[in-house]
């Protein structure tokens, strides 16, 4: 899978992850897309390291989508834990 397909997969994974996670997440649309792309890279890496799955083989494979969405959820939850609880004085 080329880098452009991986980028598109990450953008879609970010939107899906944002829908799956309940509550209000910090950041807007662009941050969601950026976190989705980072999550897709993270998910692809974790899938290959932990499970030995080549998630970058095909754009329409279920492994690519599953690990991309799971990676995006992980990244969004980390960002939410770091920045979501800030309160202004």
N, C-alpha and C. Protein backbone atom coordinates (compact mmCIF):
# COMPACT_ATOMS: atom_id res chain seq x y z
N UNK A 1 0.86 -1.16 0.00
CA UNK A 1 0.00 0.00 0.00
C UNK A 1 0.90 1.22 0.00
N UNK A 2 0.60 2.15 -0.87
CA UNK A 2 1.39 3.36 -0.98
C UNK A 2 1.13 4.34 0.15
N UNK A 3 1.96 5.34 0.24
CA UNK A 3 1.83 6.31 1.33
C UNK A 3 0.55 7.12 1.22
N UNK A 4 0.08 7.38 0.02
CA UNK A 4 -1.16 8.14 -0.15
C UNK A 4 -2.36 7.33 0.35
N UNK A 5 -2.39 6.05 0.05
CA UNK A 5 -3.47 5.18 0.53
C UNK A 5 -3.41 5.06 2.05
N UNK A 6 -2.20 4.98 2.59
CA UNK A 6 -2.04 4.90 4.04
C UNK A 6 -2.50 6.20 4.71
N UNK A 7 -2.25 7.32 4.08
CA UNK A 7 -2.70 8.62 4.59
C UNK A 7 -4.22 8.70 4.58
N UNK A 8 -4.85 8.28 3.51
CA UNK A 8 -6.31 8.28 3.42
C UNK A 8 -6.90 7.33 4.45
N UNK A 9 -6.30 6.16 4.60
CA UNK A 9 -6.75 5.21 5.61
C UNK A 9 -6.66 5.82 7.00
N UNK A 10 -5.59 6.53 7.28
CA UNK A 10 -5.43 7.17 8.58
C UNK A 10 -6.45 8.27 8.83
N UNK A 11 -6.76 9.03 7.80
CA UNK A 11 -7.76 10.09 7.94
C UNK A 11 -9.13 9.49 8.26
N UNK A 12 -9.50 8.43 7.57
CA UNK A 12 -10.79 7.78 7.82
C UNK A 12 -10.79 7.10 9.19
N UNK A 13 -9.67 6.49 9.56
CA UNK A 13 -9.56 5.83 10.86
C UNK A 13 -9.71 6.84 12.00
N UNK A 14 -9.19 8.05 11.82
CA UNK A 14 -9.34 9.08 12.85
C UNK A 14 -10.78 9.48 13.06
N UNK A 15 -11.52 9.60 11.98
CA UNK A 15 -12.94 9.95 12.08
C UNK A 15 -13.71 8.82 12.75
N UNK A 16 -13.43 7.58 12.37
CA UNK A 16 -14.11 6.43 12.97
C UNK A 16 -13.78 6.35 14.46
N UNK A 17 -12.53 6.54 14.81
CA UNK A 17 -12.13 6.49 16.22
C UNK A 17 -12.80 7.60 17.02
N UNK A 18 -12.94 8.77 16.44
CA UNK A 18 -13.59 9.89 17.12
C UNK A 18 -15.06 9.58 17.37
N UNK A 19 -15.69 8.88 16.45
CA UNK A 19 -17.10 8.51 16.62
C UNK A 19 -17.23 7.43 17.70
N UNK A 20 -16.29 6.50 17.75
CA UNK A 20 -16.36 5.39 18.69
C UNK A 20 -16.14 5.85 20.13
N UNK A 21 -15.23 6.79 20.35
CA UNK A 21 -14.91 7.25 21.69
C UNK A 21 -16.02 8.17 22.19
N UNK A 22 -16.64 7.83 23.33
CA UNK A 22 -17.72 8.68 23.83
C UNK A 22 -17.20 9.95 24.47
N UNK A 23 -18.05 10.96 24.53
CA UNK A 23 -17.70 12.21 25.18
C UNK A 23 -17.06 13.20 24.23
N UNK A 24 -16.69 14.32 24.79
CA UNK A 24 -16.09 15.40 24.01
C UNK A 24 -14.58 15.26 24.03
N UNK A 25 -14.00 15.19 22.87
CA UNK A 25 -12.56 15.09 22.76
C UNK A 25 -11.96 16.47 22.52
N UNK A 26 -10.75 16.68 23.02
CA UNK A 26 -10.09 17.96 22.75
C UNK A 26 -9.68 18.05 21.28
N UNK A 27 -9.65 19.25 20.78
CA UNK A 27 -9.22 19.46 19.40
C UNK A 27 -10.39 19.44 18.44
N UNK A 28 -10.13 19.86 17.26
CA UNK A 28 -11.16 19.93 16.24
C UNK A 28 -10.96 18.89 15.16
N UNK A 29 -11.51 19.22 14.01
CA UNK A 29 -11.50 18.30 12.88
C UNK A 29 -10.08 17.99 12.42
N UNK A 30 -9.25 19.01 12.28
CA UNK A 30 -7.89 18.80 11.76
C UNK A 30 -7.03 17.99 12.72
N UNK A 31 -7.21 18.23 14.02
CA UNK A 31 -6.47 17.44 15.00
C UNK A 31 -6.91 15.98 14.95
N UNK A 32 -8.20 15.76 14.76
CA UNK A 32 -8.70 14.39 14.63
C UNK A 32 -8.07 13.69 13.44
N UNK A 33 -7.99 14.37 12.33
CA UNK A 33 -7.38 13.77 11.15
C UNK A 33 -5.90 13.48 11.37
N UNK A 34 -5.20 14.42 11.99
CA UNK A 34 -3.78 14.21 12.27
C UNK A 34 -3.57 13.04 13.22
N UNK A 35 -4.39 12.97 14.26
CA UNK A 35 -4.28 11.85 15.20
C UNK A 35 -4.65 10.53 14.55
N UNK A 36 -5.58 10.56 13.60
CA UNK A 36 -5.93 9.35 12.86
C UNK A 36 -4.77 8.83 12.03
N UNK A 37 -4.06 9.74 11.40
CA UNK A 37 -2.89 9.34 10.61
C UNK A 37 -1.80 8.78 11.53
N UNK A 38 -1.55 9.46 12.65
CA UNK A 38 -0.56 8.94 13.60
C UNK A 38 -1.00 7.58 14.15
N UNK A 39 -2.30 7.45 14.41
CA UNK A 39 -2.82 6.19 14.90
C UNK A 39 -2.71 5.08 13.88
N UNK A 40 -2.89 5.40 12.62
CA UNK A 40 -2.75 4.39 11.57
C UNK A 40 -1.32 3.88 11.50
N UNK A 41 -0.37 4.79 11.63
CA UNK A 41 1.03 4.36 11.67
C UNK A 41 1.31 3.52 12.91
N UNK A 42 0.79 3.96 14.06
CA UNK A 42 0.98 3.20 15.29
C UNK A 42 0.32 1.83 15.19
N UNK A 43 -0.92 1.79 14.71
CA UNK A 43 -1.63 0.53 14.58
C UNK A 43 -0.95 -0.43 13.61
N UNK A 44 -0.48 0.10 12.50
CA UNK A 44 0.25 -0.74 11.55
C UNK A 44 1.52 -1.30 12.14
N UNK A 45 2.22 -0.46 12.91
CA UNK A 45 3.45 -0.91 13.55
C UNK A 45 3.16 -1.96 14.61
N UNK A 46 2.17 -1.69 15.48
CA UNK A 46 1.82 -2.65 16.53
C UNK A 46 1.33 -3.97 15.94
N UNK A 47 0.55 -3.90 14.87
CA UNK A 47 0.08 -5.12 14.23
C UNK A 47 1.22 -5.96 13.68
N UNK A 48 2.23 -5.30 13.14
CA UNK A 48 3.35 -6.07 12.59
C UNK A 48 4.28 -6.59 13.68
N UNK A 49 4.47 -5.81 14.74
CA UNK A 49 5.39 -6.23 15.81
C UNK A 49 4.77 -7.30 16.70
N UNK A 50 3.54 -7.07 17.14
CA UNK A 50 2.92 -7.98 18.10
C UNK A 50 2.33 -9.21 17.43
N UNK A 51 1.60 -9.02 16.35
CA UNK A 51 0.87 -10.12 15.73
C UNK A 51 1.51 -10.64 14.44
N UNK A 52 2.53 -9.97 13.94
CA UNK A 52 3.18 -10.40 12.72
C UNK A 52 2.34 -10.22 11.48
N UNK A 53 1.37 -9.31 11.54
CA UNK A 53 0.47 -9.07 10.42
C UNK A 53 1.03 -7.94 9.57
N UNK A 54 1.03 -8.14 8.27
CA UNK A 54 1.46 -7.08 7.36
C UNK A 54 0.26 -6.21 7.04
N UNK A 55 0.00 -5.22 7.89
CA UNK A 55 -1.18 -4.37 7.75
C UNK A 55 -1.04 -3.38 6.60
N UNK A 56 0.13 -3.27 6.04
CA UNK A 56 0.32 -2.33 4.94
C UNK A 56 0.24 -3.01 3.57
N UNK A 57 -0.20 -4.25 3.55
CA UNK A 57 -0.22 -5.01 2.30
C UNK A 57 -1.29 -4.52 1.35
N UNK A 58 -2.51 -4.40 1.82
CA UNK A 58 -3.62 -4.02 0.95
C UNK A 58 -4.48 -2.97 1.64
N UNK A 59 -5.00 -2.06 0.84
CA UNK A 59 -5.85 -0.99 1.37
C UNK A 59 -7.16 -1.52 1.90
N UNK A 60 -7.75 -2.51 1.26
CA UNK A 60 -9.06 -3.00 1.63
C UNK A 60 -9.02 -4.22 2.53
N UNK A 61 -7.88 -4.57 3.08
CA UNK A 61 -7.83 -5.72 3.97
C UNK A 61 -8.38 -5.33 5.34
N UNK A 62 -9.03 -6.26 6.00
CA UNK A 62 -9.62 -5.97 7.30
C UNK A 62 -8.55 -5.71 8.34
N UNK A 63 -7.37 -6.33 8.18
CA UNK A 63 -6.29 -6.09 9.13
C UNK A 63 -5.82 -4.63 9.10
N UNK A 64 -5.71 -4.07 7.90
CA UNK A 64 -5.29 -2.67 7.77
C UNK A 64 -6.28 -1.75 8.47
N UNK A 65 -7.55 -1.98 8.24
CA UNK A 65 -8.58 -1.12 8.84
C UNK A 65 -8.65 -1.32 10.35
N UNK A 66 -8.61 -2.56 10.80
CA UNK A 66 -8.71 -2.85 12.22
C UNK A 66 -7.57 -2.21 13.00
N UNK A 67 -6.34 -2.44 12.55
CA UNK A 67 -5.20 -1.90 13.28
C UNK A 67 -5.10 -0.38 13.15
N UNK A 68 -5.53 0.17 12.04
CA UNK A 68 -5.53 1.62 11.90
C UNK A 68 -6.52 2.28 12.85
N UNK A 69 -7.71 1.72 12.94
CA UNK A 69 -8.72 2.28 13.85
C UNK A 69 -8.30 2.08 15.30
N UNK A 70 -7.79 0.91 15.65
CA UNK A 70 -7.33 0.68 17.02
C UNK A 70 -6.18 1.62 17.38
N UNK A 71 -5.27 1.83 16.46
CA UNK A 71 -4.17 2.77 16.71
C UNK A 71 -4.67 4.19 16.88
N UNK A 72 -5.65 4.59 16.07
CA UNK A 72 -6.22 5.93 16.20
C UNK A 72 -6.93 6.09 17.53
N UNK A 73 -7.64 5.05 17.98
CA UNK A 73 -8.30 5.11 19.28
C UNK A 73 -7.27 5.27 20.39
N UNK A 74 -6.18 4.53 20.31
CA UNK A 74 -5.12 4.63 21.32
C UNK A 74 -4.55 6.05 21.36
N UNK A 75 -4.23 6.58 20.19
CA UNK A 75 -3.64 7.92 20.14
C UNK A 75 -4.62 8.97 20.65
N UNK A 76 -5.89 8.89 20.27
CA UNK A 76 -6.87 9.87 20.72
C UNK A 76 -7.07 9.76 22.23
N UNK A 77 -7.09 8.56 22.78
CA UNK A 77 -7.22 8.40 24.22
C UNK A 77 -6.02 8.96 24.97
N UNK A 78 -4.83 8.80 24.42
CA UNK A 78 -3.63 9.36 25.04
C UNK A 78 -3.70 10.89 25.03
N UNK A 79 -4.06 11.46 23.91
CA UNK A 79 -4.18 12.92 23.82
C UNK A 79 -5.29 13.42 24.74
N UNK A 80 -6.38 12.69 24.81
CA UNK A 80 -7.49 13.07 25.69
C UNK A 80 -7.05 13.01 27.15
N UNK A 81 -6.26 12.03 27.53
CA UNK A 81 -5.78 11.92 28.90
C UNK A 81 -4.81 13.04 29.24
N UNK A 82 -4.01 13.47 28.27
CA UNK A 82 -3.03 14.52 28.54
C UNK A 82 -3.66 15.90 28.53
N UNK A 83 -4.45 16.19 27.50
CA UNK A 83 -4.96 17.55 27.32
C UNK A 83 -6.44 17.72 27.67
N UNK A 84 -7.17 16.66 27.85
CA UNK A 84 -8.61 16.75 28.05
C UNK A 84 -9.03 17.20 29.43
N UNK A 85 -8.18 17.10 30.41
CA UNK A 85 -8.55 17.41 31.77
C UNK A 85 -8.04 18.77 32.25
N UNK A 86 -7.50 19.55 31.36
CA UNK A 86 -7.02 20.89 31.73
C UNK A 86 -8.18 21.80 32.05
N UNK A 87 -7.99 22.58 33.08
CA UNK A 87 -8.99 23.56 33.45
C UNK A 87 -8.30 24.91 33.57
N UNK A 88 -8.96 25.92 33.07
CA UNK A 88 -8.40 27.27 33.19
C UNK A 88 -8.79 27.87 34.52
N UNK A 89 -7.90 28.61 35.11
CA UNK A 89 -8.17 29.22 36.42
C UNK A 89 -8.86 30.55 36.30
